[in-house]
Structure formats: C-alpha cells, structure tokens
Amino acid sequence: MLPSKQTVIVTARVVGFHFWAAAPDEVSYLRANHRHEFHLRVEANVTDGDREVEFHILKRLVREATGGGELEIEYGPMSCEHIAVQLATKLKELGTTVSAIEVFEDGECGARVEF
C-alpha cells in the first residue's frame, strides 16, 4: 500500500514572554507580561522516504529562527497563532517551507496553524 501523505516533524522548546492586553476579566492575569516554555512542533511535507526536507536540518533551522534556543524571547502581544506564523515566515526566509506549526504554552494549551 502506498502512503497518501508523508510528513517530517521536529519539536523544540523556547522560553518566552507575552501578554494579551484584551484578555477577558475572567483571565485578566493574561494582560500582564508572563513567562512560558513554548513547545513547538513543526511539520514539513515530503514526497518520499529520501526526504527533500531532512529533519535534522529542519531542527537546526527552527533553532536558528528562534534565537538558537539560548535566549528568552519577548513576543509582546503575540498569540500562539502569531508565533506560529512568525516562525513559518522566518523558516521561509531560511529556505524551508513548512506545512504546519503547533505552539503550546507549557505543553498544555496551544494552537495549530496549517500552511
């Protein structure tokens, strides 16, 4: 049986800060700048097992696009969805197109953006 779709996947974690100025009163604490360990899951479609996108290279590019994994990133008012789009844009500038990115706050709550 031939596969209908093949995807390579890498994960990474980055420490960052963000806030949501328009947060509802019920979660008003989100209005203040706060820290998360953002868990990233980056996917790129491939057409066969010879991988046009090698996942070790993709992992390196994700690290490069997120400051090398050493920094605490200030995302300001960006949501998980905004962070995913920004990462996809940076990866495209580095020569790699991805099919989806997931960004989770502390591995619990997050978003998936498909491209």
Protein backbone atom coordinates (compact mmCIF):
# COMPACT_ATOMS: atom_id res chain seq x y z
CA MET A 1 0.00 0.00 0.00
CA LEU A 2 1.33 3.45 -0.91
CA PRO A 3 1.13 6.24 1.64
CA SER A 4 -1.16 9.15 0.81
CA LYS A 5 0.92 11.72 2.69
CA GLN A 6 4.33 11.85 4.33
CA THR A 7 5.47 14.46 6.82
CA VAL A 8 8.68 15.05 8.74
CA ILE A 9 8.26 16.52 12.22
CA VAL A 10 10.59 18.27 14.64
CA THR A 11 9.97 19.63 18.10
CA ALA A 12 11.68 22.34 20.09
CA ARG A 13 11.14 24.34 23.25
CA VAL A 14 11.81 28.02 23.77
CA VAL A 15 11.32 30.22 26.80
CA GLY A 16 9.40 33.37 26.05
CA PHE A 17 7.18 36.09 27.43
CA HIS A 18 3.95 37.50 26.05
CA PHE A 19 0.72 39.15 27.11
CA TRP A 20 -2.86 39.61 25.93
CA ALA A 21 -3.92 43.19 26.50
CA ALA A 22 -7.57 42.49 25.63
CA ALA A 23 -7.92 39.41 27.84
CA PRO A 24 -11.42 38.98 29.32
CA ASP A 25 -11.83 39.79 33.02
CA GLU A 26 -12.07 36.09 33.85
CA VAL A 27 -8.42 35.68 32.78
CA SER A 28 -7.26 39.24 33.45
CA TYR A 29 -3.87 37.93 34.67
CA LEU A 30 -3.02 37.30 30.99
CA ARG A 31 -2.88 41.07 30.44
CA ALA A 32 0.44 41.23 32.27
CA ASN A 33 3.62 40.04 30.57
CA HIS A 34 4.13 36.43 31.65
CA ARG A 35 6.55 33.56 31.00
CA HIS A 36 6.00 30.27 29.23
CA GLU A 37 8.06 27.44 27.92
CA PHE A 38 6.65 27.35 24.40
CA HIS A 39 6.59 23.85 22.93
CA LEU A 40 6.91 23.96 19.15
CA ARG A 41 6.01 21.21 16.70
CA VAL A 42 6.99 21.92 13.12
CA GLU A 43 5.87 19.78 10.18
CA ALA A 44 7.03 19.73 6.56
CA ASN A 45 5.50 17.58 3.83
CA VAL A 46 7.79 15.30 1.83
CA THR A 47 7.05 13.16 -1.20
CA ASP A 48 9.15 10.10 -0.41
CA GLY A 49 11.47 8.45 2.08
CA ASP A 50 14.50 10.27 0.67
CA ARG A 51 13.25 13.41 2.40
CA GLU A 52 13.51 16.65 0.49
CA VAL A 53 13.46 18.19 3.96
CA GLU A 54 15.89 16.41 6.28
CA PHE A 55 14.58 16.65 9.82
CA HIS A 56 17.96 17.26 11.48
CA ILE A 57 18.42 20.27 9.18
CA LEU A 58 14.85 21.42 9.87
CA LYS A 59 15.52 21.18 13.62
CA ARG A 60 18.66 23.33 13.21
CA LEU A 61 16.68 25.90 11.20
CA VAL A 62 13.95 26.04 13.85
CA ARG A 63 16.61 26.69 16.50
CA GLU A 64 18.16 29.38 14.31
CA ALA A 65 14.78 31.01 13.69
CA THR A 66 14.01 31.07 17.43
CA GLY A 67 17.28 32.56 18.61
CA GLY A 68 19.32 29.40 19.00
CA GLY A 69 17.42 28.07 21.99
CA GLU A 70 19.58 30.06 24.39
CA LEU A 71 17.54 33.21 24.68
CA GLU A 72 14.33 34.17 26.38
CA ILE A 73 12.21 35.61 23.60
CA GLU A 74 9.96 38.62 24.08
CA TYR A 75 6.86 38.00 21.96
CA GLY A 76 4.90 41.02 23.25
CA PRO A 77 1.20 40.78 22.36
CA MET A 78 1.65 37.76 20.05
CA SER A 79 -0.66 34.77 20.47
CA CYS A 80 0.40 31.17 19.81
CA GLU A 81 -1.07 31.57 16.32
CA HIS A 82 1.00 34.71 15.72
CA ILE A 83 4.15 32.95 16.93
CA ALA A 84 3.49 30.06 14.50
CA VAL A 85 3.07 32.44 11.56
CA GLN A 86 6.20 34.37 12.53
CA LEU A 87 8.20 31.13 12.75
CA ALA A 88 6.91 29.92 9.37
CA THR A 89 7.89 33.26 7.84
CA LYS A 90 11.41 33.07 9.29
CA LEU A 91 11.80 29.47 8.11
CA LYS A 92 10.69 30.50 4.61
CA GLU A 93 13.37 33.23 4.67
CA LEU A 94 15.88 30.49 5.58
CA GLY A 95 14.73 28.45 2.56
CA THR A 96 12.32 25.95 4.13
CA THR A 97 8.57 25.77 3.66
CA VAL A 98 6.56 24.05 6.38
CA SER A 99 3.06 22.60 6.27
CA ALA A 100 2.00 23.15 9.89
CA ILE A 101 3.27 24.56 13.17
CA GLU A 102 1.88 23.96 16.64
CA VAL A 103 2.74 26.26 19.54
CA PHE A 104 1.80 25.18 23.06
CA GLU A 105 2.16 27.17 26.27
CA ASP A 106 3.97 24.96 28.77
CA GLY A 107 2.87 21.89 26.79
CA GLU A 108 -0.77 22.36 27.87
CA CYS A 109 -2.73 24.80 25.74
CA GLY A 110 -1.91 25.97 22.26
CA ALA A 111 -2.72 26.36 18.63
CA ARG A 112 -2.06 24.70 15.28
CA VAL A 113 -1.60 26.72 12.10
CA GLU A 114 -1.57 24.96 8.73
CA PHE A 115 0.09 26.46 5.67
